[in-house]
């Protein structure tokens, strides 16, 4: 049974496309141009990472700011969460620039995400509501930045354990406040979230999320 599940997961995964993806990537003109620029940049500026004390702490700052996204996102507004993502993205980008990273080490899924963002950019250009489409695309870029922060900074088992404990702690705080709202009737009613025809009048709790469905999820 386990062997069958392993076989199914292997067939359903993107690993079959990895070899072709790496070969196509390394033989493309765009990759050679970007890789040449990347090697020149790292050759010129990589010694700074060895001499600067601040750059030495960048990997730690990138990790902690990424964990901060997971920790504070349930308690902050969308705009505030975007600020955390931007800070983590800047730290991660500096780490990416000043530490040896191979452009060919990223898998087929990364290429698929980048392709999706490229198609989204084309869709924005053809949208009849350009302002709204561009604003929505900026929100997608924030999600993309968060994705690459997780991809870059949560690689080792220890880093994944840190992330898991941060998520557990944040979820515990959210659930605890939801229980407080329930037992002490401390949740102000939200318009549209309560059914006025219910025989049992009760207010749905939402903790820090401002949405009972999000809390249920």
Protein backbone atom coordinates (compact mmCIF):
# COMPACT_ATOMS: atom_id res chain seq x y z
CA UNK A 1 0.00 0.00 0.00
CA UNK A 2 2.76 2.42 0.94
CA UNK A 3 4.67 1.55 -2.21
CA UNK A 4 1.57 2.30 -4.32
CA UNK A 5 1.10 5.65 -2.58
CA UNK A 6 4.76 6.46 -3.13
CA UNK A 7 4.43 5.55 -6.82
CA UNK A 8 1.31 7.72 -7.21
CA UNK A 9 2.91 10.70 -5.46
CA UNK A 10 6.02 10.33 -7.62
CA UNK A 11 3.94 10.30 -10.82
CA UNK A 12 1.85 13.26 -9.66
CA UNK A 13 4.81 15.37 -8.59
CA UNK A 14 6.76 17.83 -10.69
CA UNK A 15 9.99 15.84 -10.35
CA UNK A 16 9.49 14.33 -13.80
CA UNK A 17 9.85 17.82 -15.25
CA UNK A 18 12.90 18.78 -13.19
CA UNK A 19 15.58 17.46 -15.57
CA UNK A 20 13.98 19.02 -18.66
CA UNK A 21 13.45 22.25 -16.75
CA UNK A 22 17.10 22.46 -15.69
CA UNK A 23 18.35 21.64 -19.18
CA UNK A 24 16.03 24.16 -20.85
CA UNK A 25 16.89 26.81 -18.29
CA UNK A 26 20.65 26.43 -18.63
CA UNK A 27 20.55 26.50 -22.45
CA UNK A 28 18.28 29.53 -22.75
CA UNK A 29 19.66 32.89 -23.85
CA UNK A 30 17.89 34.69 -21.00
CA UNK A 31 19.53 32.40 -18.44
CA UNK A 32 22.99 32.95 -19.91
CA UNK A 33 22.53 36.72 -19.82
CA UNK A 34 21.18 36.74 -16.26
CA UNK A 35 23.75 34.18 -15.09
CA UNK A 36 26.61 36.18 -16.61
CA UNK A 37 25.42 39.33 -14.86
CA UNK A 38 24.94 37.35 -11.66
CA UNK A 39 28.48 35.96 -11.69
CA UNK A 40 29.91 39.43 -12.36
CA UNK A 41 27.90 40.91 -9.51
CA UNK A 42 28.86 38.20 -7.02
CA UNK A 43 32.54 38.33 -8.02
CA UNK A 44 32.59 42.07 -7.44
CA UNK A 45 30.46 42.39 -4.33
CA UNK A 46 30.69 39.02 -2.58
CA UNK A 47 33.87 40.05 -0.67
CA UNK A 48 31.76 42.75 1.02
CA UNK A 49 29.75 40.00 2.72
CA UNK A 50 32.93 38.69 4.33
CA UNK A 51 34.07 42.08 5.62
CA UNK A 52 30.79 43.70 6.70
CA UNK A 53 29.46 42.87 10.16
CA UNK A 54 25.94 43.92 9.14
CA UNK A 55 25.89 41.63 6.11
CA UNK A 56 26.98 38.81 8.39
CA UNK A 57 23.65 39.06 10.27
CA UNK A 58 21.51 39.36 7.12
CA UNK A 59 20.65 35.60 6.93
CA UNK A 60 19.43 35.71 10.55
CA UNK A 61 17.45 38.91 9.94
CA UNK A 62 15.92 37.37 6.80
CA UNK A 63 14.87 34.27 8.76
CA UNK A 64 13.44 36.18 11.71
CA UNK A 65 11.54 38.64 9.51
CA UNK A 66 10.09 35.69 7.57
CA UNK A 67 8.98 34.08 10.82
CA UNK A 68 7.45 37.44 11.78
CA UNK A 69 5.15 37.16 8.75
CA UNK A 70 3.79 33.89 10.13
CA UNK A 71 3.57 35.23 13.66
CA UNK A 72 1.85 38.59 13.14
CA UNK A 73 -0.32 38.02 10.06
CA UNK A 74 -3.38 36.81 12.09
CA UNK A 75 -3.24 39.91 14.31
CA UNK A 76 -2.59 42.69 11.80
CA UNK A 77 -4.41 44.25 8.88
CA UNK A 78 -3.60 43.37 5.29
CA UNK A 79 -1.58 46.57 4.85
CA UNK A 80 0.45 45.90 8.00
CA UNK A 81 1.08 42.30 6.90
CA UNK A 82 2.30 43.65 3.56
CA UNK A 83 4.84 45.79 5.43
CA UNK A 84 6.17 42.68 7.19
CA UNK A 85 6.41 40.91 3.83
CA UNK A 86 8.27 43.83 2.25
CA UNK A 87 10.76 43.97 5.14
CA UNK A 88 11.36 40.22 4.93
CA UNK A 89 11.62 40.49 1.14
CA UNK A 90 14.28 43.20 1.38
CA UNK A 91 16.30 41.16 3.88
CA UNK A 92 15.97 38.07 1.70
CA UNK A 93 16.96 39.99 -1.42
CA UNK A 94 20.10 41.33 0.26
CA UNK A 95 20.94 37.80 1.36
CA UNK A 96 20.36 36.58 -2.18
CA UNK A 97 22.70 39.24 -3.57
CA UNK A 98 25.58 38.94 -1.13
CA UNK A 99 25.66 35.20 -0.51
CA UNK A 100 26.53 32.54 -3.04
CA UNK A 101 23.29 31.30 -4.54
CA UNK A 102 22.97 29.28 -7.72
CA UNK A 103 20.25 30.43 -10.10
CA UNK A 104 19.95 26.88 -11.42
CA UNK A 105 19.07 25.45 -8.00
CA UNK A 106 15.42 26.48 -8.20
CA UNK A 107 12.97 23.91 -9.39
CA UNK A 108 10.18 23.67 -11.93
CA UNK A 109 7.60 24.96 -9.49
CA UNK A 110 9.47 28.27 -9.18
CA UNK A 111 9.46 28.61 -12.95
CA UNK A 112 5.74 27.89 -13.02
CA UNK A 113 5.07 30.60 -10.42
CA UNK A 114 7.15 33.13 -12.37
CA UNK A 115 5.32 32.18 -15.57
CA UNK A 116 2.00 32.68 -13.79
CA UNK A 117 3.08 36.16 -12.67
CA UNK A 118 4.16 36.96 -16.23
CA UNK A 119 0.75 35.95 -17.58
CA UNK A 120 -0.84 38.09 -14.87
CA UNK A 121 1.20 41.09 -16.01
CA UNK A 122 -0.06 40.58 -19.58
CA UNK A 123 -3.62 40.36 -18.26
CA UNK A 124 -3.16 43.67 -16.43
CA UNK A 125 -2.06 45.31 -19.68
CA UNK A 126 -5.24 44.19 -21.46
CA UNK A 127 -7.61 44.95 -18.59
CA UNK A 128 -10.29 47.61 -19.22
CA UNK A 129 -9.96 48.60 -15.54
CA UNK A 130 -6.24 49.27 -15.48
CA UNK A 131 -6.05 50.92 -12.06
CA UNK A 132 -7.93 48.14 -10.27
CA UNK A 133 -6.07 45.45 -12.17
CA UNK A 134 -2.71 47.00 -11.31
CA UNK A 135 -3.68 47.26 -7.64
CA UNK A 136 -4.70 43.60 -7.62
CA UNK A 137 -1.43 42.66 -9.32
CA UNK A 138 0.53 44.50 -6.62
CA UNK A 139 -1.23 42.35 -4.03
CA UNK A 140 -0.20 39.27 -6.03
CA UNK A 141 3.40 40.53 -5.96
CA UNK A 142 3.20 40.71 -2.16
CA UNK A 143 2.09 37.05 -2.09
CA UNK A 144 4.91 36.18 -4.50
CA UNK A 145 7.44 37.98 -2.30
CA UNK A 146 6.19 36.04 0.75
CA UNK A 147 6.49 32.79 -1.22
CA UNK A 148 10.13 33.47 -2.08
CA UNK A 149 10.85 34.49 1.51
CA UNK A 150 9.60 31.09 2.66
CA UNK A 151 11.46 29.37 -0.17
CA UNK A 152 14.78 31.03 0.65
CA UNK A 153 14.68 31.07 4.45
CA UNK A 154 12.87 27.86 5.43
CA UNK A 155 15.16 25.19 4.01
CA UNK A 156 16.65 23.23 6.88
CA UNK A 157 14.76 21.01 9.30
CA UNK A 158 15.54 23.38 12.16
CA UNK A 159 14.16 26.37 10.25
CA UNK A 160 11.00 24.43 9.44
CA UNK A 161 10.63 23.55 13.11
CA UNK A 162 10.93 27.23 14.02
CA UNK A 163 8.19 28.02 11.49
CA UNK A 164 5.96 25.23 12.81
CA UNK A 165 6.28 26.44 16.42
CA UNK A 166 5.59 30.04 15.37
CA UNK A 167 2.42 28.92 13.53
CA UNK A 168 1.30 26.83 16.52
CA UNK A 169 1.84 29.75 18.90
CA UNK A 170 -0.04 32.21 16.65
CA UNK A 171 -2.91 29.75 16.16
CA UNK A 172 -3.07 29.13 19.93
CA UNK A 173 -3.39 32.87 20.62
CA UNK A 174 -6.09 33.25 17.96
CA UNK A 175 -8.04 30.27 19.32
CA UNK A 176 -7.67 31.44 22.92
CA UNK A 177 -9.11 34.86 22.14
CA UNK A 178 -11.93 33.21 20.17
CA UNK A 179 -12.81 31.13 23.24
CA UNK A 180 -12.74 34.29 25.36
CA UNK A 181 -15.19 35.96 22.97
CA UNK A 182 -17.46 32.91 23.11
CA UNK A 183 -17.60 32.34 26.85
CA UNK A 184 -17.64 36.01 27.92
CA UNK A 185 -19.85 37.23 25.05
CA UNK A 186 -17.14 39.71 24.12
CA UNK A 187 -17.56 39.59 20.33
CA UNK A 188 -19.44 42.60 18.91
CA UNK A 189 -21.90 41.47 16.27
CA UNK A 190 -20.67 41.86 12.71
CA UNK A 191 -23.20 43.03 10.13
CA UNK A 192 -24.16 40.18 7.84
CA UNK A 193 -22.54 37.39 9.84
CA UNK A 194 -25.48 36.56 12.08
CA UNK A 195 -28.81 35.12 10.95
CA UNK A 196 -31.69 37.20 12.41
CA UNK A 197 -34.08 34.27 11.86
CA UNK A 198 -32.19 31.89 14.15
CA UNK A 199 -34.15 30.67 17.17
CA UNK A 200 -30.97 30.41 19.22
CA UNK A 201 -29.64 33.94 19.20
CA UNK A 202 -25.89 33.79 19.29
CA UNK A 203 -23.03 35.82 17.90
CA UNK A 204 -20.37 34.07 15.84
CA UNK A 205 -16.90 34.71 17.21
CA UNK A 206 -14.05 35.74 14.95
CA UNK A 207 -11.08 36.36 17.28
CA UNK A 208 -8.51 38.68 15.69
CA UNK A 209 -9.54 37.83 12.13
CA UNK A 210 -12.71 39.90 11.77
CA UNK A 211 -14.39 37.06 9.86
CA UNK A 212 -16.00 33.97 11.43
CA UNK A 213 -15.34 31.90 8.31
CA UNK A 214 -11.63 32.68 8.46
CA UNK A 215 -11.55 31.64 12.10
CA UNK A 216 -13.36 28.41 11.23
CA UNK A 217 -10.79 27.75 8.51
